[in-house]
PDB file of N, CA and C in Angstrom:
ATOM      1  N   MET A   1     114.560 143.564-145.721  1.00  0.00           N
ATOM      2  CA  MET A   1     113.731 143.235-146.136  1.00  0.00           C
ATOM      3  C   MET A   1     113.195 141.405-146.089  1.00  0.00           C
ATOM      4  N   ILE A   2     112.342 141.624-145.490  1.00  0.00           N
ATOM      5  CA  ILE A   2     112.144 140.084-144.676  1.00  0.00           C
ATOM      6  C   ILE A   2     110.976 139.323-145.579  1.00  0.00           C
ATOM      7  N   GLN A   3     111.385 138.242-146.316  1.00  0.00           N
ATOM      8  CA  GLN A   3     110.408 137.884-147.522  1.00  0.00           C
ATOM      9  C   GLN A   3     110.095 136.084-147.204  1.00  0.00           C
ATOM     10  N   SER A   4     108.596 136.311-147.612  1.00  0.00           N
ATOM     11  CA  SER A   4     108.147 134.599-146.806  1.00  0.00           C
ATOM     12  C   SER A   4     108.232 133.918-147.498  1.00  0.00           C
ATOM     13  N   LEU A   5     108.904 132.313-147.835  1.00  0.00           N
ATOM     14  CA  LEU A   5     109.215 131.372-148.620  1.00  0.00           C
ATOM     15  C   LEU A   5     107.907 130.588-148.590  1.00  0.00           C
ATOM     16  N   ASP A   6     107.630 129.795-149.586  1.00  0.00           N
ATOM     17  CA  ASP A   6     106.648 128.625-150.150  1.00  0.00           C
ATOM     18  C   ASP A   6     106.815 128.049-149.381  1.00  0.00           C
ATOM     19  N   SER A   7     106.083 126.490-149.242  1.00  0.00           N
ATOM     20  CA  SER A   7     106.555 125.553-148.298  1.00  0.00           C
ATOM     21  C   SER A   7     107.056 124.797-148.990  1.00  0.00           C
ATOM     22  N   GLY A   8     108.068 124.471-148.613  1.00  0.00           N
ATOM     23  CA  GLY A   8     108.966 123.295-148.864  1.00  0.00           C
ATOM     24  C   GLY A   8     109.698 124.075-150.139  1.00  0.00           C
ATOM     25  N   ALA A   9     110.004 125.397-150.026  1.00  0.00           N
ATOM     26  CA  ALA A   9     111.561 126.233-150.843  1.00  0.00           C
ATOM     27  C   ALA A   9     112.499 127.047-149.370  1.00  0.00           C
ATOM     28  N   ALA A  10     113.854 126.033-150.722  1.00  0.00           N
ATOM     29  CA  ALA A  10     114.702 127.076-149.116  1.00  0.00           C
ATOM     30  C   ALA A  10     115.204 128.257-149.872  1.00  0.00           C
ATOM     31  N   PRO A  11     115.694 128.898-148.829  1.00  0.00           N
ATOM     32  CA  PRO A  11     116.578 130.174-149.322  1.00  0.00           C
ATOM     33  C   PRO A  11     117.375 129.612-150.142  1.00  0.00           C
ATOM     34  N   GLY A  12     118.004 131.074-150.599  1.00  0.00           N
ATOM     35  CA  GLY A  12     119.182 131.332-151.374  1.00  0.00           C
ATOM     36  C   GLY A  12     121.032 130.743-150.976  1.00  0.00           C
ATOM     37  N   VAL A  13     120.898 130.012-149.865  1.00  0.00           N
ATOM     38  CA  VAL A  13     121.726 129.824-149.178  1.00  0.00           C
ATOM     39  C   VAL A  13     122.354 128.090-148.998  1.00  0.00           C
ATOM     40  N   GLU A  14     123.800 128.053-149.354  1.00  0.00           N
ATOM     41  CA  GLU A  14     124.317 126.301-149.944  1.00  0.00           C
ATOM     42  C   GLU A  14     123.947 125.962-148.126  1.00  0.00           C
ATOM     43  N   TRP A  15     123.070 125.282-148.074  1.00  0.00           N
ATOM     44  CA  TRP A  15     123.064 124.674-146.560  1.00  0.00           C
ATOM     45  C   TRP A  15     121.851 122.995-146.393  1.00  0.00           C
ATOM     46  N   ASP A  16     122.613 122.470-145.849  1.00  0.00           N
ATOM     47  CA  ASP A  16     121.535 120.750-145.220  1.00  0.00           C
ATOM     48  C   ASP A  16     120.668 121.740-144.892  1.00  0.00           C
ATOM     49  N   TRP A  17     119.203 121.600-145.250  1.00  0.00           N
ATOM     50  CA  TRP A  17     117.744 122.219-144.737  1.00  0.00           C
ATOM     51  C   TRP A  17     117.048 121.230-144.601  1.00  0.00           C
ATOM     52  N   GLN A  18     117.293 119.692-144.760  1.00  0.00           N
ATOM     53  CA  GLN A  18     116.803 118.900-143.978  1.00  0.00           C
ATOM     54  C   GLN A  18     117.039 118.013-142.708  1.00  0.00           C
ATOM     55  N   THR A  19     118.035 118.242-142.121  1.00  0.00           N
ATOM     56  CA  THR A  19     118.377 118.187-140.696  1.00  0.00           C
ATOM     57  C   THR A  19     118.160 119.354-140.122  1.00  0.00           C
ATOM     58  N   PRO A  20     117.838 118.385-138.840  1.00  0.00           N
ATOM     59  CA  PRO A  20     117.126 119.477-137.768  1.00  0.00           C
ATOM     60  C   PRO A  20     118.234 120.107-137.202  1.00  0.00           C
ATOM     61  N   SER A  21     118.354 121.166-136.793  1.00  0.00           N
ATOM     62  CA  SER A  21     119.287 121.724-135.820  1.00  0.00           C
ATOM     63  C   SER A  21     119.287 121.320-134.726  1.00  0.00           C
ATOM     64  N   TRP A  22     118.976 120.630-133.910  1.00  0.00           N
ATOM     65  CA  TRP A  22     118.844 120.157-132.943  1.00  0.00           C
ATOM     66  C   TRP A  22     120.151 119.200-132.858  1.00  0.00           C
ATOM     67  N   THR A  23     120.067 118.622-133.751  1.00  0.00           N
ATOM     68  CA  THR A  23     121.261 117.050-134.341  1.00  0.00           C
ATOM     69  C   THR A  23     122.880 118.201-133.725  1.00  0.00           C
ATOM     70  N   TYR A  24     123.193 119.511-134.062  1.00  0.00           N
ATOM     71  CA  TYR A  24     124.255 119.934-133.968  1.00  0.00           C
ATOM     72  C   TYR A  24     124.731 119.985-132.488  1.00  0.00           C
ATOM     73  N   GLY A  25     123.656 119.544-131.446  1.00  0.00           N
ATOM     74  CA  GLY A  25     124.070 120.129-130.628  1.00  0.00           C
ATOM     75  C   GLY A  25     123.618 121.284-129.924  1.00  0.00           C
ATOM     76  N   VAL A  26     124.048 121.237-128.719  1.00  0.00           N
ATOM     77  CA  VAL A  26     123.393 122.829-127.839  1.00  0.00           C
ATOM     78  C   VAL A  26     124.320 123.660-127.333  1.00  0.00           C
ATOM     79  N   ASN A  27     124.036 124.478-127.817  1.00  0.00           N
ATOM     80  CA  ASN A  27     125.356 125.483-127.439  1.00  0.00           C
ATOM     81  C   ASN A  27     124.533 126.932-127.228  1.00  0.00           C
ATOM     82  N   ARG A  28     125.235 127.753-126.083  1.00  0.00           N
ATOM     83  CA  ARG A  28     124.759 129.402-126.373  1.00  0.00           C
ATOM     84  C   ARG A  28     125.441 130.276-127.294  1.00  0.00           C
ATOM     85  N   CYS A  29     124.805 130.236-128.218  1.00  0.00           N
ATOM     86  CA  CYS A  29     125.521 130.698-129.326  1.00  0.00           C
ATOM     87  C   CYS A  29     124.806 132.246-129.272  1.00  0.00           C
ATOM     88  N   ASP A  30     125.782 133.707-128.892  1.00  0.00           N
ATOM     89  CA  ASP A  30     124.778 134.888-128.669  1.00  0.00           C
ATOM     90  C   ASP A  30     125.841 136.273-129.198  1.00  0.00           C
ATOM     91  N   SER A  31     127.062 135.704-129.721  1.00  0.00           N
ATOM     92  CA  SER A  31     127.977 137.154-129.849  1.00  0.00           C
ATOM     93  C   SER A  31     128.319 136.730-131.573  1.00  0.00           C
ATOM     94  N   TYR A  32     127.457 137.757-132.453  1.00  0.00           N
ATOM     95  CA  TYR A  32     127.643 137.557-133.716  1.00  0.00           C
ATOM     96  C   TYR A  32     128.632 138.369-134.031  1.00  0.00           C
ATOM     97  N   SER A  33     129.162 138.322-134.847  1.00  0.00           N
ATOM     98  CA  SER A  33     130.649 139.017-135.460  1.00  0.00           C
ATOM     99  C   SER A  33     129.674 140.428-136.545  1.00  0.00           C
ATOM    100  N   VAL A  34     130.673 141.425-137.020  1.00  0.00           N
ATOM    101  CA  VAL A  34     130.535 142.061-137.154  1.00  0.00           C
ATOM    102  C   VAL A  34     129.582 142.310-138.539  1.00  0.00           C
ATOM    103  N   GLU A  35     130.301 141.521-139.358  1.00  0.00           N
ATOM    104  CA  GLU A  35     130.380 141.118-141.286  1.00  0.00           C
ATOM    105  C   GLU A  35     129.221 139.813-141.096  1.00  0.00           C
ATOM    106  N   LEU A  36     128.659 139.582-139.978  1.00  0.00           N
ATOM    107  CA  LEU A  36     128.288 138.116-139.837  1.00  0.00           C
ATOM    108  C   LEU A  36     129.126 137.372-140.238  1.00  0.00           C
ATOM    109  N   GLU A  37     130.331 137.053-139.967  1.00  0.00           N
ATOM    110  CA  GLU A  37     130.480 135.451-140.511  1.00  0.00           C
ATOM    111  C   GLU A  37     131.119 134.576-139.394  1.00  0.00           C
ATOM    112  N   TRP A  38     130.998 134.791-138.422  1.00  0.00           N
ATOM    113  CA  TRP A  38     131.475 134.265-137.272  1.00  0.00           C
ATOM    114  C   TRP A  38     130.142 134.547-136.172  1.00  0.00           C
ATOM    115  N   ILE A  39     129.994 133.272-135.475  1.00  0.00           N
ATOM    116  CA  ILE A  39     129.230 133.498-134.296  1.00  0.00           C
ATOM    117  C   ILE A  39     129.671 133.106-132.890  1.00  0.00           C
ATOM    118  N   ALA A  40     129.992 133.278-131.993  1.00  0.00           N
ATOM    119  CA  ALA A  40     130.836 132.924-130.637  1.00  0.00           C
ATOM    120  C   ALA A  40     130.020 132.128-130.398  1.00  0.00           C
ATOM    121  N   CYS A  41     130.452 131.391-130.059  1.00  0.00           N
ATOM    122  CA  CYS A  41     129.937 130.040-128.683  1.00  0.00           C
ATOM    123  C   CYS A  41     129.953 129.477-128.214  1.00  0.00           C
ATOM    124  N   PHE A  42     129.516 129.128-126.625  1.00  0.00           N
ATOM    125  CA  PHE A  42     129.736 128.153-125.584  1.00  0.00           C
ATOM    126  C   PHE A  42     129.639 127.014-125.670  1.00  0.00           C
ATOM    127  N   GLN A  43     130.127 126.192-125.819  1.00  0.00           N
ATOM    128  CA  GLN A  43     129.168 124.476-125.546  1.00  0.00           C
ATOM    129  C   GLN A  43     129.276 124.326-124.376  1.00  0.00           C
ATOM    130  N   ARG A  44     128.870 123.318-124.208  1.00  0.00           N
ATOM    131  CA  ARG A  44     128.490 122.542-123.041  1.00  0.00           C
ATOM    132  C   ARG A  44     129.672 122.078-122.628  1.00  0.00           C
ATOM    133  N   SER A  45     130.262 122.136-121.275  1.00  0.00           N
ATOM    134  CA  SER A  45     131.908 121.976-121.221  1.00  0.00           C
ATOM    135  C   SER A  45     131.275 120.061-120.493  1.00  0.00           C
ATOM    136  N   ALA A  46     132.629 119.514-120.980  1.00  0.00           N
ATOM    137  CA  ALA A  46     132.654 118.171-119.853  1.00  0.00           C
ATOM    138  C   ALA A  46     132.901 118.268-118.638  1.00  0.00           C
ATOM    139  N   ALA A  47     133.193 119.167-117.888  1.00  0.00           N
ATOM    140  CA  ALA A  47     133.347 119.053-116.683  1.00  0.00           C
ATOM    141  C   ALA A  47     132.519 120.596-115.527  1.00  0.00           C
ATOM    142  N   THR A  48     132.245 119.874-114.351  1.00  0.00           N
ATOM    143  CA  THR A  48     131.545 121.150-113.779  1.00  0.00           C
ATOM    144  C   THR A  48     132.419 121.530-112.244  1.00  0.00           C
ATOM    145  N   SER A  49     132.041 123.145-112.547  1.00  0.00           N
ATOM    146  CA  SER A  49     133.006 123.191-111.333  1.00  0.00           C
ATOM    147  C   SER A  49     131.879 124.534-110.323  1.00  0.00           C
ATOM    148  N   PHE A  50     132.523 124.211-109.203  1.00  0.00           N
ATOM    149  CA  PHE A  50     131.653 125.799-108.836  1.00  0.00           C
ATOM    150  C   PHE A  50     131.389 126.908-109.267  1.00  0.00           C
ATOM    151  N   ALA A  51     132.335 127.352-109.692  1.00  0.00           N
ATOM    152  CA  ALA A  51     131.780 128.716-110.293  1.00  0.00           C
ATOM    153  C   ALA A  51     132.032 128.752-111.465  1.00  0.00           C
ATOM    154  N   GLY A  52     131.926 127.322-112.308  1.00  0.00           N
ATOM    155  CA  GLY A  52     131.149 126.682-113.837  1.00  0.00           C
ATOM    156  C   GLY A  52     132.505 127.117-114.865  1.00  0.00           C
ATOM    157  N   ASN A  53     132.008 126.310-115.669  1.00  0.00           N
ATOM    158  CA  ASN A  53     133.351 126.661-116.630  1.00  0.00           C
ATOM    159  C   ASN A  53     133.139 126.334-117.644  1.00  0.00           C
ATOM    160  N   TRP A  54     133.869 126.750-118.910  1.00  0.00           N
ATOM    161  CA  TRP A  54     133.356 126.880-120.385  1.00  0.00           C
ATOM    162  C   TRP A  54     134.190 126.910-121.201  1.00  0.00           C
ATOM    163  N   HIS A  55     133.645 126.762-122.335  1.00  0.00           N
ATOM    164  CA  HIS A  55     134.634 126.496-124.061  1.00  0.00           C
ATOM    165  C   HIS A  55     134.127 127.166-124.848  1.00  0.00           C
ATOM    166  N   LEU A  56     134.494 128.151-125.303  1.00  0.00           N
ATOM    167  CA  LEU A  56     134.110 128.955-126.149  1.00  0.00           C
ATOM    168  C   LEU A  56     134.837 128.416-127.919  1.00  0.00           C
ATOM    169  N   GLN A  57     133.558 128.879-128.786  1.00  0.00           N
ATOM    170  CA  GLN A  57     134.308 128.240-130.191  1.00  0.00           C
ATOM    171  C   GLN A  57     134.006 129.049-130.916  1.00  0.00           C
ATOM    172  N   LEU A  58     134.827 129.712-132.075  1.00  0.00           N
ATOM    173  CA  LEU A  58     134.219 130.096-133.004  1.00  0.00           C
ATOM    174  C   LEU A  58     133.752 129.560-134.148  1.00  0.00           C
ATOM    175  N   VAL A  59     132.182 129.429-134.456  1.00  0.00           N
ATOM    176  CA  VAL A  59     131.258 129.160-135.747  1.00  0.00           C
ATOM    177  C   VAL A  59     130.648 130.119-136.499  1.00  0.00           C
ATOM    178  N   GLN A  60     131.203 129.537-137.837  1.00  0.00           N
ATOM    179  CA  GLN A  60     130.951 130.006-139.389  1.00  0.00           C
ATOM    180  C   GLN A  60     129.762 129.840-139.480  1.00  0.00           C
ATOM    181  N   PHE A  61     128.984 131.594-139.308  1.00  0.00           N
ATOM    182  CA  PHE A  61     127.797 131.815-139.763  1.00  0.00           C
ATOM    183  C   PHE A  61     127.229 130.697-141.284  1.00  0.00           C
ATOM    184  N   GLY A  62     126.348 130.418-140.575  1.00  0.00           N
ATOM    185  CA  GLY A  62     125.507 129.569-141.310  1.00  0.00           C
ATOM    186  C   GLY A  62     125.976 128.018-142.058  1.00  0.00           C
ATOM    187  N   ASN A  63     126.978 127.750-141.399  1.00  0.00           N
ATOM    188  CA  ASN A  63     127.935 126.698-141.350  1.00  0.00           C
ATOM    189  C   ASN A  63     128.098 125.876-140.146  1.00  0.00           C
ATOM    190  N   PRO A  64     127.529 125.628-139.493  1.00  0.00           N
ATOM    191  CA  PRO A  64     127.798 124.771-137.920  1.00  0.00           C
ATOM    192  C   PRO A  64     128.880 123.483-137.900  1.00  0.00           C
ATOM    193  N   ASP A  65     129.451 123.284-139.316  1.00  0.00           N
ATOM    194  CA  ASP A  65     130.493 121.949-139.372  1.00  0.00           C
ATOM    195  C   ASP A  65     131.877 122.759-139.248  1.00  0.00           C
ATOM    196  N   ASN A  66     131.384 123.410-139.442  1.00  0.00           N
ATOM    197  CA  ASN A  66     133.132 124.820-139.387  1.00  0.00           C
ATOM    198  C   ASN A  66     132.887 125.454-138.063  1.00  0.00           C
ATOM    199  N   ALA A  67     133.625 124.754-136.862  1.00  0.00           N
ATOM    200  CA  ALA A  67     133.903 125.329-135.757  1.00  0.00           C
ATOM    201  C   ALA A  67     135.382 125.467-135.108  1.00  0.00           C
ATOM    202  N   TYR A  68     135.567 126.485-134.703  1.00  0.00           N
ATOM    203  CA  TYR A  68     136.949 126.369-133.797  1.00  0.00           C
ATOM    204  C   TYR A  68     137.017 126.946-132.747  1.00  0.00           C
ATOM    205  N   ASP A  69     138.123 125.965-132.109  1.00  0.00           N
ATOM    206  CA  ASP A  69     138.278 126.406-130.525  1.00  0.00           C
ATOM    207  C   ASP A  69     138.957 127.737-130.536  1.00  0.00           C
ATOM    208  N   VAL A  70     138.072 128.118-129.368  1.00  0.00           N
ATOM    209  CA  VAL A  70     139.159 129.466-128.966  1.00  0.00           C
ATOM    210  C   VAL A  70     139.575 129.409-127.778  1.00  0.00           C
ATOM    211  N   VAL A  71     139.384 129.119-126.635  1.00  0.00           N
ATOM    212  CA  VAL A  71     139.429 128.947-125.290  1.00  0.00           C
ATOM    213  C   VAL A  71     138.800 127.731-124.397  1.00  0.00           C
ATOM    214  N   VAL A  72     139.527 127.570-123.126  1.00  0.00           N
ATOM    215  CA  VAL A  72     138.507 126.729-122.546  1.00  0.00           C
ATOM    216  C   VAL A  72     138.754 127.299-121.060  1.00  0.00           C
ATOM    217  N   GLY A  73     138.033 127.951-120.442  1.00  0.00           N
ATOM    218  CA  GLY A  73     138.151 128.553-119.075  1.00  0.00           C
ATOM    219  C   GLY A  73     137.975 128.095-117.606  1.00  0.00           C
ATOM    220  N   LEU A  74     137.696 128.509-116.908  1.00  0.00           N
ATOM    221  CA  LEU A  74     136.845 128.356-115.685  1.00  0.00           C
ATOM    222  C   LEU A  74     136.563 130.075-114.655  1.00  0.00           C
ATOM    223  N   GLY A  75     135.566 129.932-114.105  1.00  0.00           N
ATOM    224  CA  GLY A  75     134.782 131.069-113.480  1.00  0.00           C
ATOM    225  C   GLY A  75     133.630 131.357-114.361  1.00  0.00           C
ATOM    226  N   ILE A  76     133.413 132.655-114.277  1.00  0.00           N
ATOM    227  CA  ILE A  76     132.279 133.333-115.025  1.00  0.00           C
ATOM    228  C   ILE A  76     132.386 133.448-116.433  1.00  0.00           C
ATOM    229  N   ARG A  77     131.103 133.078-117.523  1.00  0.00           N
ATOM    230  CA  ARG A  77     131.016 133.260-118.816  1.00  0.00           C
ATOM    231  C   ARG A  77     131.471 134.197-119.302  1.00  0.00           C
ATOM    232  N   PRO A  78     131.996 134.745-119.654  1.00  0.00           N
ATOM    233  CA  PRO A  78     132.634 136.010-120.575  1.00  0.00           C
ATOM    234  C   PRO A  78     131.470 137.083-121.155  1.00  0.00           C
ATOM    235  N   SER A  79     131.745 137.916-121.660  1.00  0.00           N
ATOM    236  CA  SER A  79     131.518 138.815-122.687  1.00  0.00           C
ATOM    237  C   SER A  79     132.307 138.279-123.494  1.00  0.00           C
ATOM    238  N   VAL A  80     131.592 138.679-125.336  1.00  0.00           N
ATOM    239  CA  VAL A  80     131.964 138.374-126.020  1.00  0.00           C
ATOM    240  C   VAL A  80     131.855 138.993-127.172  1.00  0.00           C
ATOM    241  N   GLY A  81     133.214 140.123-128.172  1.00  0.00           N
ATOM    242  CA  GLY A  81     132.459 140.767-129.203  1.00  0.00           C
ATOM    243  C   GLY A  81     134.327 140.933-129.938  1.00  0.00           C
ATOM    244  N   PHE A  82     133.237 141.209-131.207  1.00  0.00           N
ATOM    245  CA  PHE A  82     134.625 141.597-132.121  1.00  0.00           C
ATOM    246  C   PHE A  82     134.475 142.814-132.659  1.00  0.00           C
ATOM    247  N   THR A  83     135.676 142.657-133.596  1.00  0.00           N
ATOM    248  CA  THR A  83     135.817 144.536-134.118  1.00  0.00           C
ATOM    249  C   THR A  83     135.230 144.570-135.719  1.00  0.00           C
ATOM    250  N   GLU A  84     135.259 146.232-135.555  1.00  0.00           N
ATOM    251  CA  GLU A  84     134.653 145.971-136.693  1.00  0.00           C
ATOM    252  C   GLU A  84     134.536 145.397-138.083  1.00  0.00           C
ATOM    253  N   ASP A  85     136.122 144.674-138.485  1.00  0.00           N
ATOM    254  CA  ASP A  85     136.949 144.088-139.789  1.00  0.00           C
ATOM    255  C   ASP A  85     136.473 142.689-138.761  1.00  0.00           C
ATOM    256  N   ASP A  86     135.848 141.986-138.458  1.00  0.00           N
ATOM    257  CA  ASP A  86     136.166 140.690-137.841  1.00  0.00           C
ATOM    258  C   ASP A  86     137.264 139.899-137.754  1.00  0.00           C
ATOM    259  N   ARG A  87     138.436 140.980-137.845  1.00  0.00           N
ATOM    260  CA  ARG A  87     139.560 140.383-137.150  1.00  0.00           C
ATOM    261  C   ARG A  87     140.010 140.103-135.853  1.00  0.00           C
ATOM    262  N   TRP A  88     139.684 140.621-134.946  1.00  0.00           N
ATOM    263  CA  TRP A  88     139.809 139.998-133.474  1.00  0.00           C
ATOM    264  C   TRP A  88     138.271 139.617-132.968  1.00  0.00           C
ATOM    265  N   VAL A  89     138.523 139.016-131.493  1.00  0.00           N
ATOM    266  CA  VAL A  89     137.276 138.590-131.177  1.00  0.00           C
ATOM    267  C   VAL A  89     138.012 139.346-129.676  1.00  0.00           C
ATOM    268  N   TYR A  90     137.497 139.440-128.939  1.00  0.00           N
ATOM    269  CA  TYR A  90     137.697 140.040-127.244  1.00  0.00           C
ATOM    270  C   TYR A  90     136.449 139.513-126.573  1.00  0.00           C
ATOM    271  N   ILE A  91     137.142 138.749-125.605  1.00  0.00           N
ATOM    272  CA  ILE A  91     136.647 138.138-124.246  1.00  0.00           C
ATOM    273  C   ILE A  91     137.083 139.182-122.813  1.00  0.00           C
ATOM    274  N   ALA A  92     135.916 138.844-122.216  1.00  0.00           N
ATOM    275  CA  ALA A  92     135.981 139.605-120.655  1.00  0.00           C
ATOM    276  C   ALA A  92     135.376 138.921-119.955  1.00  0.00           C
ATOM    277  N   ASN A  93     135.908 139.092-118.607  1.00  0.00           N
ATOM    278  CA  ASN A  93     135.376 138.394-117.590  1.00  0.00           C
ATOM    279  C   ASN A  93     135.737 139.302-116.242  1.00  0.00           C
ATOM    280  N   GLU A  94     135.679 138.430-114.793  1.00  0.00           N
ATOM    281  CA  GLU A  94     136.131 138.892-113.984  1.00  0.00           C
ATOM    282  C   GLU A  94     138.124 138.728-114.255  1.00  0.00           C
ATOM    283  N   ARG A  95     138.671 137.887-114.902  1.00  0.00           N
ATOM    284  CA  ARG A  95     140.332 137.952-114.875  1.00  0.00           C
ATOM    285  C   ARG A  95     140.353 138.791-115.816  1.00  0.00           C
ATOM    286  N   GLY A  96     139.960 139.850-116.387  1.00  0.00           N
ATOM    287  CA  GLY A  96     140.564 140.889-117.778  1.00  0.00           C
ATOM    288  C   GLY A  96     139.832 140.828-119.184  1.00  0.00           C
ATOM    289  N   ILE A  97     140.255 141.022-120.053  1.00  0.00           N
ATOM    290  CA  ILE A  97     139.769 141.012-121.205  1.00  0.00           C
ATOM    291  C   ILE A  97     141.034 140.811-121.638  1.00  0.00           C
ATOM    292  N   VAL A  98     141.024 139.713-122.605  1.00  0.00           N
ATOM    293  CA  VAL A  98     142.031 138.763-123.761  1.00  0.00           C
ATOM    294  C   VAL A  98     141.173 138.969-125.050  1.00  0.00           C
ATOM    295  N   ARG A  99     142.321 139.248-125.925  1.00  0.00           N
ATOM    296  CA  ARG A  99     141.985 139.792-127.734  1.00  0.00           C
ATOM    297  C   ARG A  99     142.461 138.330-128.697  1.00  0.00           C
ATOM    298  N   TYR A 100     142.013 137.925-129.439  1.00  0.00           N
ATOM    299  CA  TYR A 100     142.592 136.998-130.106  1.00  0.00           C
ATOM    300  C   TYR A 100     142.134 136.964-131.987  1.00  0.00           C
ATOM    301  N   ASP A 101     143.329 136.341-132.237  1.00  0.00           N
ATOM    302  CA  ASP A 101     143.061 136.955-134.353  1.00  0.00           C
ATOM    303  C   ASP A 101     142.336 135.805-134.373  1.00  0.00           C
ATOM    304  N   VAL A 102     141.526 136.536-135.204  1.00  0.00           N
ATOM    305  CA  VAL A 102     140.250 135.016-135.986  1.00  0.00           C
ATOM    306  C   VAL A 102     141.070 134.608-136.739  1.00  0.00           C
ATOM    307  N   ASP A 103     142.096 135.409-137.504  1.00  0.00           N
ATOM    308  CA  ASP A 103     142.912 134.355-138.436  1.00  0.00           C
ATOM    309  C   ASP A 103     143.782 133.386-138.429  1.00  0.00           C
ATOM    310  N   ASP A 104     144.409 133.228-136.919  1.00  0.00           N
ATOM    311  CA  ASP A 104     145.095 132.325-136.281  1.00  0.00           C
ATOM    312  C   ASP A 104     144.202 131.086-135.772  1.00  0.00           C
ATOM    313  N   ILE A 105     143.007 131.225-135.331  1.00  0.00           N
ATOM    314  CA  ILE A 105     141.699 130.905-134.963  1.00  0.00           C
ATOM    315  C   ILE A 105     141.330 130.433-135.555  1.00  0.00           C
ATOM    316  N   THR A 106     141.083 130.409-136.755  1.00  0.00           N
ATOM    317  CA  THR A 106     140.325 129.646-137.694  1.00  0.00           C
ATOM    318  C   THR A 106     141.270 128.656-139.440  1.00  0.00           C
ATOM    319  N   ALA A 107     142.551 129.202-139.137  1.00  0.00           N
ATOM    320  CA  ALA A 107     143.836 128.589-140.121  1.00  0.00           C
ATOM    321  C   ALA A 107     144.015 126.882-140.075  1.00  0.00           C
ATOM    322  N   ASP A 108     144.231 126.580-140.909  1.00  0.00           N
ATOM    323  CA  ASP A 108     143.418 125.078-141.172  1.00  0.00           C
ATOM    324  C   ASP A 108     145.142 124.617-140.936  1.00  0.00           C
TER     325      ASP A 108
END
């Protein structure tokens, strides 16, 4: 159910609602985990190449300060997906399919 908020009211989610979202950088974040715990985001790469390069991160849903590097690669930007339990993240491109353990990526 979608519910409108009164002007100036914040939703019941802990977050810095005063900071503009653009201050966190420009990413392409289009793969959400099934349990909505993680978002797979492609950061802007520091270098460029003919086929392109990419930098994949897992970002905690609702908290872009918690971002974890997964892999940097060359070639076509891969498709990203998660398993039902959000335990594994898969990437697939012209080089094949690779999976990464989310717990290993996000361990401090």
